[in-house]
Amino acid sequence: MAALLLALLVALPLHGAWRVLGRKSPWPPRFLGLVARIVGARARVAGTPLRHDVVFVSNHLSWIDILLLSGATGSAFVAKSELRGVPLVGWLCTLNHTVFVSRADRMAVTAQIAEIRGALAAEWPVTLFPEGTTGDGTTLLPFKAALLAALDPPPPGVRIQPVQIDYGAATHELAWVGDEPGQHHAARVLKRRGSFVATLHFAEDFNPADYGDRKAIAAEARRRIEAL
């Protein structure tokens, strides 16, 4: 906890200085990558992640995925709207250009799609977790094609790059499965001794325009993750 607090106290002023100078700040993803190391994750990247004009489509094991992917790619994320109200965490999410979506508010879908497209236009990579929840790391859940609405039709030049995250031997200890409260899972991760290797497998990217609608895009992304 002391290391997390120290990392935050160092990163926030640096981020503020970049913003005052009107520059694109690299500090939120660097901070998240450092937090991943503090909680024991040692990222190993397989494949070559794209840096802009890309939507990463990934499997989802826990909140550690966000730390790892942001640290490795500088990605922004699409997250459920409830996260915005979590003290400190919600505020930190906004610093990393998180797009909050509400599954219950059908009237807000158009605005949410516009936000995702806006993040892509600003040259931020964007990550989606189309399973819609976290899994056990061994079974890939069905993809919710509705989460890919911003890609139907896709913005010109945007690519899809599937990602498969693997915690290796630590998967059963760290996957966030079932109805475990978030604070319990966080405490369990922080209490775990030692480190673990988390492999981020980046598959070959593809042009979503070649696959038609969002259901076909989701199916192709899922096929490539399964292959990994």
C-alpha atoms as a PDB file:
ATOM      1  CA  MET A   1       0.000   0.000   0.000  1.00  0.00           C
ATOM      2  CA  ALA A   2       2.897   2.357   0.756  1.00  0.00           C
ATOM      3  CA  ALA A   3       4.394   1.661  -2.673  1.00  0.00           C
ATOM      4  CA  LEU A   4       1.044   2.345  -4.362  1.00  0.00           C
ATOM      5  CA  LEU A   5       0.682   5.647  -2.518  1.00  0.00           C
ATOM      6  CA  LEU A   6       4.243   6.689  -3.383  1.00  0.00           C
ATOM      7  CA  ALA A   7       3.678   5.867  -7.074  1.00  0.00           C
ATOM      8  CA  LEU A   8       0.522   7.983  -7.068  1.00  0.00           C
ATOM      9  CA  LEU A   9       2.218  10.926  -5.353  1.00  0.00           C
ATOM     10  CA  VAL A  10       5.000  10.883  -7.952  1.00  0.00           C
ATOM     11  CA  ALA A  11       2.810  10.349 -11.042  1.00  0.00           C
ATOM     12  CA  LEU A  12       0.102  12.936 -10.337  1.00  0.00           C
ATOM     13  CA  PRO A  13       2.349  16.051 -10.318  1.00  0.00           C
ATOM     14  CA  LEU A  14       4.141  14.829 -13.444  1.00  0.00           C
ATOM     15  CA  HIS A  15       0.818  14.289 -15.180  1.00  0.00           C
ATOM     16  CA  GLY A  16      -0.321  17.752 -14.109  1.00  0.00           C
ATOM     17  CA  ALA A  17       2.865  19.343 -15.456  1.00  0.00           C
ATOM     18  CA  TRP A  18       2.367  17.713 -18.870  1.00  0.00           C
ATOM     19  CA  ARG A  19      -1.236  18.930 -18.967  1.00  0.00           C
ATOM     20  CA  VAL A  20      -0.254  22.497 -18.017  1.00  0.00           C
ATOM     21  CA  LEU A  21       2.211  22.469 -20.916  1.00  0.00           C
ATOM     22  CA  GLY A  22      -0.573  21.300 -23.223  1.00  0.00           C
ATOM     23  CA  ARG A  23       1.202  18.050 -24.021  1.00  0.00           C
ATOM     24  CA  LYS A  24      -0.153  14.517 -24.280  1.00  0.00           C
ATOM     25  CA  SER A  25       0.635  13.003 -20.886  1.00  0.00           C
ATOM     26  CA  PRO A  26       2.290   9.548 -20.790  1.00  0.00           C
ATOM     27  CA  TRP A  27       1.969   9.302 -17.023  1.00  0.00           C
ATOM     28  CA  PRO A  28      -1.427   7.624 -16.471  1.00  0.00           C
ATOM     29  CA  PRO A  29      -0.432   4.454 -18.426  1.00  0.00           C
ATOM     30  CA  ARG A  30       3.046   4.522 -16.895  1.00  0.00           C
ATOM     31  CA  PHE A  31       1.476   4.725 -13.448  1.00  0.00           C
ATOM     32  CA  LEU A  32      -0.838   1.803 -14.201  1.00  0.00           C
ATOM     33  CA  GLY A  33       2.067  -0.264 -15.517  1.00  0.00           C
ATOM     34  CA  LEU A  34       3.990   0.462 -12.316  1.00  0.00           C
ATOM     35  CA  VAL A  35       0.985  -0.557 -10.211  1.00  0.00           C
ATOM     36  CA  ALA A  36       0.961  -3.870 -12.082  1.00  0.00           C
ATOM     37  CA  ARG A  37       4.546  -4.472 -10.980  1.00  0.00           C
ATOM     38  CA  ILE A  38       3.750  -3.439  -7.408  1.00  0.00           C
ATOM     39  CA  VAL A  39       0.986  -6.066  -7.184  1.00  0.00           C
ATOM     40  CA  GLY A  40       3.399  -8.699  -8.502  1.00  0.00           C
ATOM     41  CA  ALA A  41       2.734  -8.834 -12.264  1.00  0.00           C
ATOM     42  CA  ARG A  42       5.697  -9.143 -14.621  1.00  0.00           C
ATOM     43  CA  ALA A  43       4.423  -8.414 -18.111  1.00  0.00           C
ATOM     44  CA  ARG A  44       5.725 -10.388 -21.079  1.00  0.00           C
ATOM     45  CA  VAL A  45       4.601  -9.170 -24.501  1.00  0.00           C
ATOM     46  CA  ALA A  46       4.288 -11.677 -27.351  1.00  0.00           C
ATOM     47  CA  GLY A  47       3.600 -10.186 -30.766  1.00  0.00           C
ATOM     48  CA  THR A  48       3.634  -6.512 -31.733  1.00  0.00           C
ATOM     49  CA  PRO A  49       0.864  -4.240 -30.405  1.00  0.00           C
ATOM     50  CA  LEU A  50      -0.287  -1.406 -32.645  1.00  0.00           C
ATOM     51  CA  ARG A  51       0.123   2.076 -31.172  1.00  0.00           C
ATOM     52  CA  HIS A  52      -2.787   4.038 -32.649  1.00  0.00           C
ATOM     53  CA  ASP A  53      -5.900   3.619 -34.794  1.00  0.00           C
ATOM     54  CA  VAL A  54      -6.548   0.309 -33.049  1.00  0.00           C
ATOM     55  CA  VAL A  55      -9.136  -1.332 -30.857  1.00  0.00           C
ATOM     56  CA  PHE A  56      -7.723  -4.126 -28.730  1.00  0.00           C
ATOM     57  CA  VAL A  57     -10.238  -6.904 -28.072  1.00  0.00           C
ATOM     58  CA  SER A  58      -9.169  -8.982 -25.092  1.00  0.00           C
ATOM     59  CA  ASN A  59     -10.215 -11.772 -22.783  1.00  0.00           C
ATOM     60  CA  HIS A  60     -10.702 -10.643 -19.183  1.00  0.00           C
ATOM     61  CA  LEU A  61      -9.465 -12.237 -15.944  1.00  0.00           C
ATOM     62  CA  SER A  62      -9.357  -9.387 -13.416  1.00  0.00           C
ATOM     63  CA  TRP A  63      -8.672  -5.671 -12.917  1.00  0.00           C
ATOM     64  CA  ILE A  64      -4.962  -6.496 -13.281  1.00  0.00           C
ATOM     65  CA  ASP A  65      -5.606  -6.817 -17.043  1.00  0.00           C
ATOM     66  CA  ILE A  66      -6.200  -3.062 -17.208  1.00  0.00           C
ATOM     67  CA  LEU A  67      -2.900  -2.305 -15.491  1.00  0.00           C
ATOM     68  CA  LEU A  68      -1.007  -4.647 -17.798  1.00  0.00           C
ATOM     69  CA  LEU A  69      -2.563  -3.516 -21.059  1.00  0.00           C
ATOM     70  CA  SER A  70      -2.297   0.170 -20.257  1.00  0.00           C
ATOM     71  CA  GLY A  71       1.332  -0.180 -19.229  1.00  0.00           C
ATOM     72  CA  ALA A  72       2.195  -2.122 -22.393  1.00  0.00           C
ATOM     73  CA  THR A  73       0.187  -0.125 -24.940  1.00  0.00           C
ATOM     74  CA  GLY A  74      -0.975   3.200 -23.433  1.00  0.00           C
ATOM     75  CA  SER A  75      -4.549   2.101 -24.070  1.00  0.00           C
ATOM     76  CA  ALA A  76      -7.719   3.759 -22.839  1.00  0.00           C
ATOM     77  CA  PHE A  77     -10.575   1.451 -21.828  1.00  0.00           C
ATOM     78  CA  VAL A  78     -14.299   1.007 -22.110  1.00  0.00           C
ATOM     79  CA  ALA A  79     -15.683   0.285 -18.629  1.00  0.00           C
ATOM     80  CA  LYS A  80     -19.055  -0.092 -16.956  1.00  0.00           C
ATOM     81  CA  SER A  81     -20.491   3.171 -15.686  1.00  0.00           C
ATOM     82  CA  GLU A  82     -20.628   1.949 -12.058  1.00  0.00           C
ATOM     83  CA  LEU A  83     -16.837   2.217 -11.911  1.00  0.00           C
ATOM     84  CA  ARG A  84     -17.014   6.002 -12.219  1.00  0.00           C
ATOM     85  CA  GLY A  85     -18.533   6.230  -8.730  1.00  0.00           C
ATOM     86  CA  VAL A  86     -15.820   4.201  -6.955  1.00  0.00           C
ATOM     87  CA  PRO A  87     -13.776   6.560  -4.734  1.00  0.00           C
ATOM     88  CA  LEU A  88     -10.328   7.375  -6.163  1.00  0.00           C
ATOM     89  CA  VAL A  89     -10.497   4.517  -8.697  1.00  0.00           C
ATOM     90  CA  GLY A  90     -13.203   6.260 -10.731  1.00  0.00           C
ATOM     91  CA  TRP A  91     -11.233   9.505 -10.776  1.00  0.00           C
ATOM     92  CA  LEU A  92      -8.038   7.730 -11.842  1.00  0.00           C
ATOM     93  CA  CYS A  93      -9.991   6.077 -14.660  1.00  0.00           C
ATOM     94  CA  THR A  94     -10.954   9.478 -16.023  1.00  0.00           C
ATOM     95  CA  LEU A  95      -7.265  10.488 -16.154  1.00  0.00           C
ATOM     96  CA  ASN A  96      -6.649   7.520 -18.460  1.00  0.00           C
ATOM     97  CA  HIS A  97      -9.463   8.579 -20.847  1.00  0.00           C
ATOM     98  CA  THR A  98     -11.813   5.764 -19.803  1.00  0.00           C
ATOM     99  CA  VAL A  99     -15.121   5.655 -21.677  1.00  0.00           C
ATOM    100  CA  PHE A 100     -17.894   4.696 -19.259  1.00  0.00           C
ATOM    101  CA  VAL A 101     -20.847   2.810 -20.712  1.00  0.00           C
ATOM    102  CA  SER A 102     -24.214   2.077 -19.161  1.00  0.00           C
ATOM    103  CA  ARG A 103     -25.800  -1.206 -20.165  1.00  0.00           C
ATOM    104  CA  ALA A 104     -29.131  -0.106 -18.722  1.00  0.00           C
ATOM    105  CA  ASP A 105     -29.396   3.302 -20.413  1.00  0.00           C
ATOM    106  CA  ARG A 106     -30.329   2.562 -24.025  1.00  0.00           C
ATOM    107  CA  MET A 107     -30.786   6.265 -24.734  1.00  0.00           C
ATOM    108  CA  ALA A 108     -27.081   6.936 -24.025  1.00  0.00           C
ATOM    109  CA  VAL A 109     -25.727   4.442 -26.565  1.00  0.00           C
ATOM    110  CA  THR A 110     -25.248   7.040 -29.318  1.00  0.00           C
ATOM    111  CA  ALA A 111     -23.243   9.309 -27.001  1.00  0.00           C
ATOM    112  CA  GLN A 112     -21.131   6.389 -25.807  1.00  0.00           C
ATOM    113  CA  ILE A 113     -20.315   5.364 -29.378  1.00  0.00           C
ATOM    114  CA  ALA A 114     -19.303   8.966 -30.077  1.00  0.00           C
ATOM    115  CA  GLU A 115     -16.967   8.944 -27.046  1.00  0.00           C
ATOM    116  CA  ILE A 116     -15.240   5.766 -28.218  1.00  0.00           C
ATOM    117  CA  ARG A 117     -14.810   7.181 -31.701  1.00  0.00           C
ATOM    118  CA  GLY A 118     -13.482  10.387 -30.146  1.00  0.00           C
ATOM    119  CA  ALA A 119     -10.813   8.464 -28.224  1.00  0.00           C
ATOM    120  CA  LEU A 120      -9.740   6.734 -31.426  1.00  0.00           C
ATOM    121  CA  ALA A 121      -9.610  10.055 -33.262  1.00  0.00           C
ATOM    122  CA  ALA A 122      -7.309  11.391 -30.531  1.00  0.00           C
ATOM    123  CA  GLU A 123      -4.919   8.524 -31.356  1.00  0.00           C
ATOM    124  CA  TRP A 124      -5.493   6.679 -28.097  1.00  0.00           C
ATOM    125  CA  PRO A 125      -5.631   2.898 -28.492  1.00  0.00           C
ATOM    126  CA  VAL A 126      -8.896   1.652 -26.987  1.00  0.00           C
ATOM    127  CA  THR A 127      -9.446  -1.710 -25.291  1.00  0.00           C
ATOM    128  CA  LEU A 128     -12.736  -3.607 -25.104  1.00  0.00           C
ATOM    129  CA  PHE A 129     -13.455  -6.699 -23.012  1.00  0.00           C
ATOM    130  CA  PRO A 130     -16.301  -8.204 -25.066  1.00  0.00           C
ATOM    131  CA  GLU A 131     -16.978 -11.030 -22.613  1.00  0.00           C
ATOM    132  CA  GLY A 132     -18.603  -8.300 -20.526  1.00  0.00           C
ATOM    133  CA  THR A 133     -17.278  -9.795 -17.291  1.00  0.00           C
ATOM    134  CA  THR A 134     -14.237 -11.577 -15.896  1.00  0.00           C
ATOM    135  CA  GLY A 135     -13.688 -15.288 -16.391  1.00  0.00           C
ATOM    136  CA  ASP A 136     -11.534 -18.063 -14.957  1.00  0.00           C
ATOM    137  CA  GLY A 137      -8.749 -17.699 -17.521  1.00  0.00           C
ATOM    138  CA  THR A 138      -9.272 -21.151 -18.985  1.00  0.00           C
ATOM    139  CA  THR A 139     -12.654 -20.758 -20.693  1.00  0.00           C
ATOM    140  CA  LEU A 140     -13.426 -17.979 -23.158  1.00  0.00           C
ATOM    141  CA  LEU A 141     -16.949 -16.709 -22.503  1.00  0.00           C
ATOM    142  CA  PRO A 142     -19.340 -15.691 -25.327  1.00  0.00           C
ATOM    143  CA  PHE A 143     -18.666 -12.237 -26.745  1.00  0.00           C
ATOM    144  CA  LYS A 144     -21.312  -9.514 -26.443  1.00  0.00           C
ATOM    145  CA  ALA A 145     -21.359  -8.008 -29.926  1.00  0.00           C
ATOM    146  CA  ALA A 146     -23.257  -4.943 -28.643  1.00  0.00           C
ATOM    147  CA  LEU A 147     -20.016  -3.718 -27.045  1.00  0.00           C
ATOM    148  CA  LEU A 148     -18.572  -3.388 -30.552  1.00  0.00           C
ATOM    149  CA  ALA A 149     -21.269  -0.957 -31.694  1.00  0.00           C
ATOM    150  CA  ALA A 150     -18.674   1.791 -32.233  1.00  0.00           C
ATOM    151  CA  LEU A 151     -17.166  -0.365 -34.983  1.00  0.00           C
ATOM    152  CA  ASP A 152     -20.386  -0.855 -36.909  1.00  0.00           C
ATOM    153  CA  PRO A 153     -19.469   0.727 -39.267  1.00  0.00           C
ATOM    154  CA  PRO A 154     -15.806   1.110 -38.272  1.00  0.00           C
ATOM    155  CA  PRO A 155     -14.046   4.489 -38.460  1.00  0.00           C
ATOM    156  CA  PRO A 156     -11.754   4.665 -41.516  1.00  0.00           C
ATOM    157  CA  GLY A 157      -8.305   3.195 -40.911  1.00  0.00           C
ATOM    158  CA  VAL A 158      -9.109   1.591 -37.547  1.00  0.00           C
ATOM    159  CA  ARG A 159      -7.829  -1.950 -37.026  1.00  0.00           C
ATOM    160  CA  ILE A 160      -8.855  -4.671 -34.580  1.00  0.00           C
ATOM    161  CA  GLN A 161      -6.095  -6.483 -32.696  1.00  0.00           C
ATOM    162  CA  PRO A 162      -7.175  -9.430 -30.528  1.00  0.00           C
ATOM    163  CA  VAL A 163      -5.255 -10.012 -27.287  1.00  0.00           C
ATOM    164  CA  GLN A 164      -5.074 -13.101 -25.116  1.00  0.00           C
ATOM    165  CA  ILE A 165      -3.991 -12.541 -21.511  1.00  0.00           C
ATOM    166  CA  ASP A 166      -2.458 -15.447 -19.607  1.00  0.00           C
ATOM    167  CA  TYR A 167      -1.441 -15.412 -15.927  1.00  0.00           C
ATOM    168  CA  GLY A 168       0.222 -18.809 -16.241  1.00  0.00           C
ATOM    169  CA  ALA A 169       0.460 -20.883 -13.070  1.00  0.00           C
ATOM    170  CA  ALA A 170      -1.039 -18.022 -11.019  1.00  0.00           C
ATOM    171  CA  THR A 171      -4.322 -17.997 -12.977  1.00  0.00           C
ATOM    172  CA  HIS A 172      -6.400 -19.901 -10.427  1.00  0.00           C
ATOM    173  CA  GLU A 173      -5.177 -17.603  -7.626  1.00  0.00           C
ATOM    174  CA  LEU A 174      -5.760 -14.315  -9.410  1.00  0.00           C
ATOM    175  CA  ALA A 175      -8.771 -14.730 -11.707  1.00  0.00           C
ATOM    176  CA  TRP A 176     -11.800 -12.800 -10.429  1.00  0.00           C
ATOM    177  CA  VAL A 177     -14.629 -15.285 -10.812  1.00  0.00           C
ATOM    178  CA  GLY A 178     -18.161 -15.357  -9.450  1.00  0.00           C
ATOM    179  CA  ASP A 179     -19.669 -12.894  -6.984  1.00  0.00           C
ATOM    180  CA  GLU A 180     -16.540 -12.135  -4.961  1.00  0.00           C
ATOM    181  CA  PRO A 181     -16.697  -8.468  -3.846  1.00  0.00           C
ATOM    182  CA  GLY A 182     -14.115  -6.262  -5.522  1.00  0.00           C
ATOM    183  CA  GLN A 183     -12.473  -5.225  -2.261  1.00  0.00           C
ATOM    184  CA  HIS A 184     -12.037  -8.871  -1.274  1.00  0.00           C
ATOM    185  CA  HIS A 185     -10.378  -9.709  -4.575  1.00  0.00           C
ATOM    186  CA  ALA A 186      -8.087  -6.667  -4.315  1.00  0.00           C
ATOM    187  CA  ALA A 187      -7.065  -7.661  -0.783  1.00  0.00           C
ATOM    188  CA  ARG A 188      -6.392 -11.224  -1.955  1.00  0.00           C
ATOM    189  CA  VAL A 189      -4.135  -9.979  -4.753  1.00  0.00           C
ATOM    190  CA  LEU A 190      -2.220  -7.604  -2.456  1.00  0.00           C
ATOM    191  CA  LYS A 191      -1.691 -10.312   0.163  1.00  0.00           C
ATOM    192  CA  ARG A 192      -0.302 -12.786  -2.365  1.00  0.00           C
ATOM    193  CA  ARG A 193       3.450 -13.291  -1.958  1.00  0.00           C
ATOM    194  CA  GLY A 194       5.904 -13.163  -4.812  1.00  0.00           C
ATOM    195  CA  SER A 195       5.508 -12.235  -8.466  1.00  0.00           C
ATOM    196  CA  PHE A 196       3.968 -13.901 -11.513  1.00  0.00           C
ATOM    197  CA  VAL A 197       4.480 -13.692 -15.259  1.00  0.00           C
ATOM    198  CA  ALA A 198       1.510 -12.310 -17.191  1.00  0.00           C
ATOM    199  CA  THR A 199       1.796 -12.894 -20.921  1.00  0.00           C
ATOM    200  CA  LEU A 200       0.016 -10.557 -23.327  1.00  0.00           C
ATOM    201  CA  HIS A 201      -0.348 -12.381 -26.651  1.00  0.00           C
ATOM    202  CA  PHE A 202      -1.072  -9.865 -29.437  1.00  0.00           C
ATOM    203  CA  ALA A 203      -2.599 -11.603 -32.453  1.00  0.00           C
ATOM    204  CA  GLU A 204      -2.365 -10.379 -36.036  1.00  0.00           C
ATOM    205  CA  ASP A 205      -4.609  -7.355 -36.507  1.00  0.00           C
ATOM    206  CA  PHE A 206      -7.425  -7.214 -39.053  1.00  0.00           C
ATOM    207  CA  ASN A 207      -9.596  -4.681 -40.815  1.00  0.00           C
ATOM    208  CA  PRO A 208     -13.131  -4.768 -39.314  1.00  0.00           C
ATOM    209  CA  ALA A 209     -14.546  -3.407 -42.570  1.00  0.00           C
ATOM    210  CA  ASP A 210     -13.719  -6.769 -44.182  1.00  0.00           C
ATOM    211  CA  TYR A 211     -16.096  -8.617 -41.845  1.00  0.00           C
ATOM    212  CA  GLY A 212     -19.353  -6.692 -42.126  1.00  0.00           C
ATOM    213  CA  ASP A 213     -21.353  -6.104 -38.976  1.00  0.00           C
ATOM    214  CA  ARG A 214     -20.360  -6.197 -35.316  1.00  0.00           C
ATOM    215  CA  LYS A 215     -21.433  -9.820 -34.837  1.00  0.00           C
ATOM    216  CA  ALA A 216     -19.044 -10.957 -37.554  1.00  0.00           C
ATOM    217  CA  ILE A 217     -16.291  -8.735 -36.108  1.00  0.00           C
ATOM    218  CA  ALA A 218     -16.826 -10.225 -32.640  1.00  0.00           C
ATOM    219  CA  ALA A 219     -16.779 -13.755 -34.038  1.00  0.00           C
ATOM    220  CA  GLU A 220     -13.494 -13.182 -35.878  1.00  0.00           C
ATOM    221  CA  ALA A 221     -11.844 -11.595 -32.834  1.00  0.00           C
ATOM    222  CA  ARG A 222     -12.985 -14.480 -30.650  1.00  0.00           C
ATOM    223  CA  ARG A 223     -11.689 -17.027 -33.174  1.00  0.00           C
ATOM    224  CA  ARG A 224      -8.239 -15.436 -33.121  1.00  0.00           C
ATOM    225  CA  ILE A 225      -8.109 -15.314 -29.322  1.00  0.00           C
ATOM    226  CA  GLU A 226      -9.177 -18.961 -29.133  1.00  0.00           C
ATOM    227  CA  ALA A 227      -6.383 -19.835 -31.541  1.00  0.00           C
ATOM    228  CA  LEU A 228      -3.879 -18.335 -29.118  1.00  0.00           C
END
